[in-house]
Amino acid sequence: MKLTVIGCSGSLPGPDSPASCYLVEAEGFRLLLDVGSGAIGPLQRVLALTDIDAVLLSHLHPDHCLDLCGLYVALRYAPGAGLGERLPVYGPSGTAQRLAHAYGPDQGREVTDVYEVREVLEGEWALGPWRVTARRVAHPVEAYAYRLEHGGSVLAYSGDCSPCEGLDEVAAGADLALIEAAFVESPDNPAGYHHTGREAGVLAARARVRRLVVTHVPPWHDREAQAAAARVSYGGPVDAARPGATYEV
């Protein structure tokens, strides 16, 4: 598998990164994990938008899904595009309605002319060349963490969540774990939202992952400081996600 970080800013685009979006490739199949605000601009540096094979959404907050509105326009109206085979979009319950509402009340219903929306449930299924495992995780809205297995390798993606059993199951023994760290340590952090850098490291150590990539750090926090906080509790390699970074898994 090849992982390319398209966007890794938490909660909103930052000055040097879009919000969450990750390209995963194997056997010529191109999968997007989330398509957050601002993502499809830099995505076009590495991939033609018409070459996306599927999209997998962790949840329906804007920083993880709303650039699907712009992608719809490209797939529907750009020269050479049009109403061909629909793009599979896997997401939580209500994904089709969320996208239609976001695009606009008059034309929103046309979004499903371009996207074939499929509801994610907990469990395992085949998606392209991968075996995908989805688990519900702790977040204020319906949210999933994903485990992608291919050729004996495992990529784990937290989406957005606080420490929870579902993420432990997804991350167990992963070759690379892409874990959010939106919070710094503070007694004022609300429960059930996000990891801190330290908690991302604790998760990586507990799950015995081989490599940790800390992501979803909002613009007002420092990515490298969050990675450093993870290293306190995890002895393996730790990177702070950066746009354009690539990993072989």
Protein backbone atom coordinates (compact mmCIF):
# COMPACT_ATOMS: atom_id res chain seq x y z
CA MET A 1 0.00 0.00 0.00
CA LYS A 2 1.04 3.57 -0.59
CA LEU A 3 -0.31 6.33 1.65
CA THR A 4 -0.14 9.98 0.57
CA VAL A 5 -1.14 12.75 2.95
CA ILE A 6 -3.26 15.26 1.03
CA GLY A 7 -4.58 17.21 4.02
CA CYS A 8 -3.91 16.80 7.73
CA SER A 9 -5.13 19.98 9.42
CA GLY A 10 -7.62 19.43 12.22
CA SER A 11 -11.05 21.09 12.33
CA LEU A 12 -10.40 23.47 9.42
CA PRO A 13 -7.78 24.08 6.74
CA GLY A 14 -4.56 25.61 8.01
CA PRO A 15 -2.18 28.01 6.26
CA ASP A 16 -0.19 25.12 4.80
CA SER A 17 -2.64 22.22 4.74
CA PRO A 18 -6.21 21.35 3.83
CA ALA A 19 -8.37 19.48 6.29
CA SER A 20 -8.35 15.68 6.49
CA CYS A 21 -7.79 13.73 3.27
CA TYR A 22 -5.53 10.75 2.62
CA LEU A 23 -4.93 8.86 -0.63
CA VAL A 24 -4.34 5.11 -0.29
CA GLU A 25 -3.27 3.10 -3.35
CA ALA A 26 -2.84 -0.62 -3.98
CA GLU A 27 -2.96 -2.65 -7.19
CA GLY A 28 -3.90 0.46 -9.15
CA PHE A 29 -6.96 1.18 -6.96
CA ARG A 30 -7.14 4.72 -5.54
CA LEU A 31 -9.09 5.24 -2.33
CA LEU A 32 -9.64 8.51 -0.48
CA LEU A 33 -9.96 8.40 3.30
CA ASP A 34 -12.06 11.51 3.98
CA VAL A 35 -12.33 14.54 1.70
CA GLY A 36 -12.21 17.50 4.05
CA SER A 37 -12.34 21.24 3.41
CA GLY A 38 -9.84 22.39 0.80
CA ALA A 39 -8.60 18.91 -0.09
CA ILE A 40 -9.43 18.56 -3.77
CA GLY A 41 -7.18 21.46 -4.78
CA PRO A 42 -3.84 19.85 -3.82
CA LEU A 43 -5.24 16.40 -4.57
CA GLN A 44 -5.08 17.34 -8.24
CA ARG A 45 -1.28 17.60 -8.02
CA VAL A 46 -1.05 13.83 -7.54
CA LEU A 47 -4.25 12.45 -9.07
CA ALA A 48 -6.82 13.36 -11.70
CA LEU A 49 -10.15 13.71 -9.94
CA THR A 50 -11.73 11.35 -12.46
CA ASP A 51 -9.24 8.64 -11.40
CA ILE A 52 -10.59 8.27 -7.84
CA ASP A 53 -12.03 4.77 -7.41
CA ALA A 54 -13.81 5.11 -4.05
CA VAL A 55 -14.19 7.33 -0.99
CA LEU A 56 -14.39 6.18 2.62
CA LEU A 57 -15.69 8.74 5.14
CA SER A 58 -14.96 8.46 8.84
CA HIS A 59 -17.79 10.83 9.80
CA LEU A 60 -19.77 13.80 8.53
CA HIS A 61 -18.13 16.83 10.13
CA PRO A 62 -17.19 19.42 7.46
CA ASP A 63 -13.44 18.99 7.87
CA HIS A 64 -13.83 15.36 6.76
CA CYS A 65 -16.45 15.41 4.01
CA LEU A 66 -17.42 18.77 2.55
CA ASP A 67 -15.03 18.86 -0.40
CA LEU A 68 -17.22 16.14 -1.86
CA CYS A 69 -19.40 19.06 -2.99
CA GLY A 70 -16.63 20.46 -5.17
CA LEU A 71 -15.67 16.97 -6.34
CA TYR A 72 -19.28 16.48 -7.45
CA VAL A 73 -19.01 19.54 -9.70
CA ALA A 74 -15.78 18.26 -11.27
CA LEU A 75 -17.17 14.78 -11.88
CA ARG A 76 -20.44 16.13 -13.26
CA TYR A 77 -19.44 19.12 -15.37
CA ALA A 78 -15.72 19.15 -16.21
CA PRO A 79 -14.82 18.44 -19.86
CA GLY A 80 -14.75 14.71 -20.40
CA ALA A 81 -16.77 14.04 -17.26
CA GLY A 82 -20.52 13.43 -17.12
CA LEU A 83 -22.98 10.87 -15.94
CA GLY A 84 -21.02 7.66 -16.27
CA GLU A 85 -20.46 5.06 -13.59
CA ARG A 86 -21.14 6.52 -10.14
CA LEU A 87 -18.31 6.92 -7.63
CA PRO A 88 -18.79 4.71 -4.54
CA VAL A 89 -18.85 6.79 -1.35
CA TYR A 90 -18.95 4.83 1.91
CA GLY A 91 -20.07 6.79 4.94
CA PRO A 92 -22.17 6.83 8.11
CA SER A 93 -25.95 6.83 8.03
CA GLY A 94 -27.31 10.02 6.49
CA THR A 95 -24.34 10.61 4.17
CA ALA A 96 -26.46 11.13 1.03
CA GLN A 97 -28.75 13.60 2.80
CA ARG A 98 -25.79 15.45 4.32
CA LEU A 99 -24.14 15.95 0.95
CA ALA A 100 -27.38 16.98 -0.73
CA HIS A 101 -28.12 19.51 2.01
CA ALA A 102 -24.57 20.89 1.85
CA TYR A 103 -24.69 21.33 -1.92
CA GLY A 104 -27.98 23.19 -1.84
CA PRO A 105 -31.72 22.63 -1.57
CA ASP A 106 -32.43 23.14 -5.28
CA GLN A 107 -29.83 20.86 -6.84
CA GLY A 108 -28.66 18.76 -3.91
CA ARG A 109 -30.68 15.76 -4.97
CA GLU A 110 -28.47 15.51 -8.07
CA VAL A 111 -25.44 14.59 -5.94
CA THR A 112 -26.55 10.97 -5.99
CA ASP A 113 -26.45 11.06 -9.79
CA VAL A 114 -22.66 11.12 -9.38
CA TYR A 115 -22.14 9.31 -6.07
CA GLU A 116 -23.29 5.82 -5.16
CA VAL A 117 -23.58 6.27 -1.40
CA ARG A 118 -23.21 3.11 0.66
CA GLU A 119 -23.88 3.06 4.40
CA VAL A 120 -21.04 1.91 6.65
CA LEU A 121 -21.83 -0.55 9.39
CA GLU A 122 -19.50 -2.10 11.92
CA GLY A 123 -17.89 -5.20 10.50
CA GLU A 124 -15.61 -6.35 7.69
CA TRP A 125 -15.99 -6.18 3.93
CA ALA A 126 -13.98 -6.05 0.71
CA LEU A 127 -13.29 -2.68 -0.91
CA GLY A 128 -11.14 -2.88 -4.03
CA PRO A 129 -8.00 -4.85 -3.05
CA TRP A 130 -8.46 -4.27 0.69
CA ARG A 131 -10.11 -6.05 3.53
CA VAL A 132 -11.71 -3.22 5.50
CA THR A 133 -12.69 -3.42 9.15
CA ALA A 134 -14.92 -0.62 10.52
CA ARG A 135 -15.48 0.05 14.20
CA ARG A 136 -17.58 2.74 15.90
CA VAL A 137 -15.46 5.15 17.90
CA ALA A 138 -16.08 7.79 20.56
CA HIS A 139 -17.02 11.13 18.97
CA PRO A 140 -20.08 13.39 19.28
CA VAL A 141 -21.47 12.12 15.96
CA GLU A 142 -21.59 8.67 14.36
CA ALA A 143 -17.93 8.01 13.54
CA TYR A 144 -15.78 5.08 12.44
CA ALA A 145 -12.14 4.05 12.56
CA TYR A 146 -10.92 1.90 9.70
CA ARG A 147 -8.42 -0.93 9.32
CA LEU A 148 -7.20 -1.60 5.76
CA GLU A 149 -5.44 -4.91 5.15
CA HIS A 150 -3.63 -5.85 1.95
CA GLY A 151 -0.80 -8.25 1.16
CA GLY A 152 -0.11 -8.91 4.83
CA SER A 153 0.18 -5.21 5.70
CA VAL A 154 -2.18 -3.16 7.87
CA LEU A 155 -3.00 0.55 7.81
CA ALA A 156 -5.15 1.88 10.68
CA TYR A 157 -6.98 5.22 10.55
CA SER A 158 -8.62 6.72 13.60
CA GLY A 159 -10.78 9.36 11.95
CA ASP A 160 -11.75 11.61 14.87
CA CYS A 161 -12.23 10.09 18.30
CA SER A 162 -11.15 9.95 21.89
CA PRO A 163 -9.47 6.78 23.27
CA CYS A 164 -11.89 3.86 22.98
CA GLU A 165 -12.14 0.11 22.50
CA GLY A 166 -13.12 0.38 18.84
CA LEU A 167 -9.88 2.16 17.95
CA ASP A 168 -7.86 -0.37 19.96
CA GLU A 169 -9.33 -3.15 17.79
CA VAL A 170 -8.63 -1.31 14.55
CA ALA A 171 -5.04 -0.39 15.47
CA ALA A 172 -3.92 -3.73 16.93
CA GLY A 173 -0.60 -4.71 15.36
CA ALA A 174 -0.90 -2.17 12.52
CA ASP A 175 2.16 -1.51 10.38
CA LEU A 176 1.18 2.16 10.28
CA ALA A 177 -1.39 3.88 12.48
CA LEU A 178 -2.68 7.29 11.38
CA ILE A 179 -4.00 8.70 14.65
CA GLU A 180 -5.52 12.08 15.32
CA ALA A 181 -4.14 14.33 18.06
CA ALA A 182 -6.26 17.46 18.09
CA PHE A 183 -5.97 18.24 21.81
CA VAL A 184 -3.06 19.29 23.99
CA GLU A 185 -3.10 18.18 27.60
CA SER A 186 -5.62 20.26 29.57
CA PRO A 187 -8.19 19.62 32.29
CA ASP A 188 -10.60 21.64 30.18
CA ASN A 189 -10.67 19.19 27.26
CA PRO A 190 -14.22 17.87 26.79
CA ALA A 191 -14.61 14.10 27.04
CA GLY A 192 -15.42 11.99 24.01
CA TYR A 193 -13.96 14.17 21.27
CA HIS A 194 -10.26 13.79 20.48
CA HIS A 195 -6.86 12.36 21.45
CA THR A 196 -3.98 14.37 22.82
CA GLY A 197 -0.50 13.70 21.48
CA ARG A 198 0.29 11.75 24.62
CA GLU A 199 -2.85 9.65 24.23
CA ALA A 200 -1.96 8.89 20.61
CA GLY A 201 1.36 7.54 21.86
CA VAL A 202 -0.32 5.50 24.59
CA LEU A 203 -2.63 3.98 21.98
CA ALA A 204 0.29 3.14 19.68
CA ALA A 205 2.18 1.44 22.51
CA ARG A 206 -0.87 -0.44 23.75
CA ALA A 207 -1.80 -1.61 20.24
CA ARG A 208 1.84 -2.50 19.40
CA VAL A 209 1.80 -0.63 16.12
CA ARG A 210 5.01 -0.47 14.10
CA ARG A 211 4.81 3.21 13.11
CA LEU A 212 2.71 6.11 14.35
CA VAL A 213 1.77 9.12 12.25
CA VAL A 214 0.12 11.85 14.32
CA THR A 215 -2.43 13.87 12.35
CA HIS A 216 -5.49 16.18 12.55
CA VAL A 217 -3.57 18.82 14.53
CA PRO A 218 -5.46 22.15 14.29
CA PRO A 219 -3.64 25.28 13.09
CA TRP A 220 -3.37 26.72 16.60
CA HIS A 221 -1.26 23.77 17.86
CA ASP A 222 2.20 22.64 16.79
CA ARG A 223 2.41 19.35 14.87
CA GLU A 224 5.93 18.55 16.00
CA ALA A 225 5.03 19.21 19.63
CA GLN A 226 2.15 16.74 19.33
CA ALA A 227 4.49 14.14 17.83
CA ALA A 228 6.99 14.78 20.63
CA ALA A 229 4.25 14.25 23.21
CA ALA A 230 3.46 10.89 21.58
CA ARG A 231 7.12 9.81 21.81
CA VAL A 232 7.03 10.07 25.60
CA SER A 233 4.78 7.00 25.80
CA TYR A 234 5.63 5.20 22.53
CA GLY A 235 9.09 3.97 21.64
CA GLY A 236 8.54 3.31 17.95
CA PRO A 237 8.94 5.75 15.06
CA VAL A 238 6.63 8.77 15.21
CA ASP A 239 5.99 11.29 12.45
CA ALA A 240 3.88 14.42 12.36
CA ALA A 241 1.71 14.20 9.22
CA ARG A 242 2.53 16.79 6.59
CA PRO A 243 0.86 17.48 3.24
CA GLY A 244 2.56 15.57 0.46
CA ALA A 245 4.26 13.05 2.73
CA THR A 246 4.15 9.48 1.45
CA TYR A 247 4.51 6.14 3.20
CA GLU A 248 4.88 2.60 1.94
CA VAL A 249 2.89 0.27 4.20
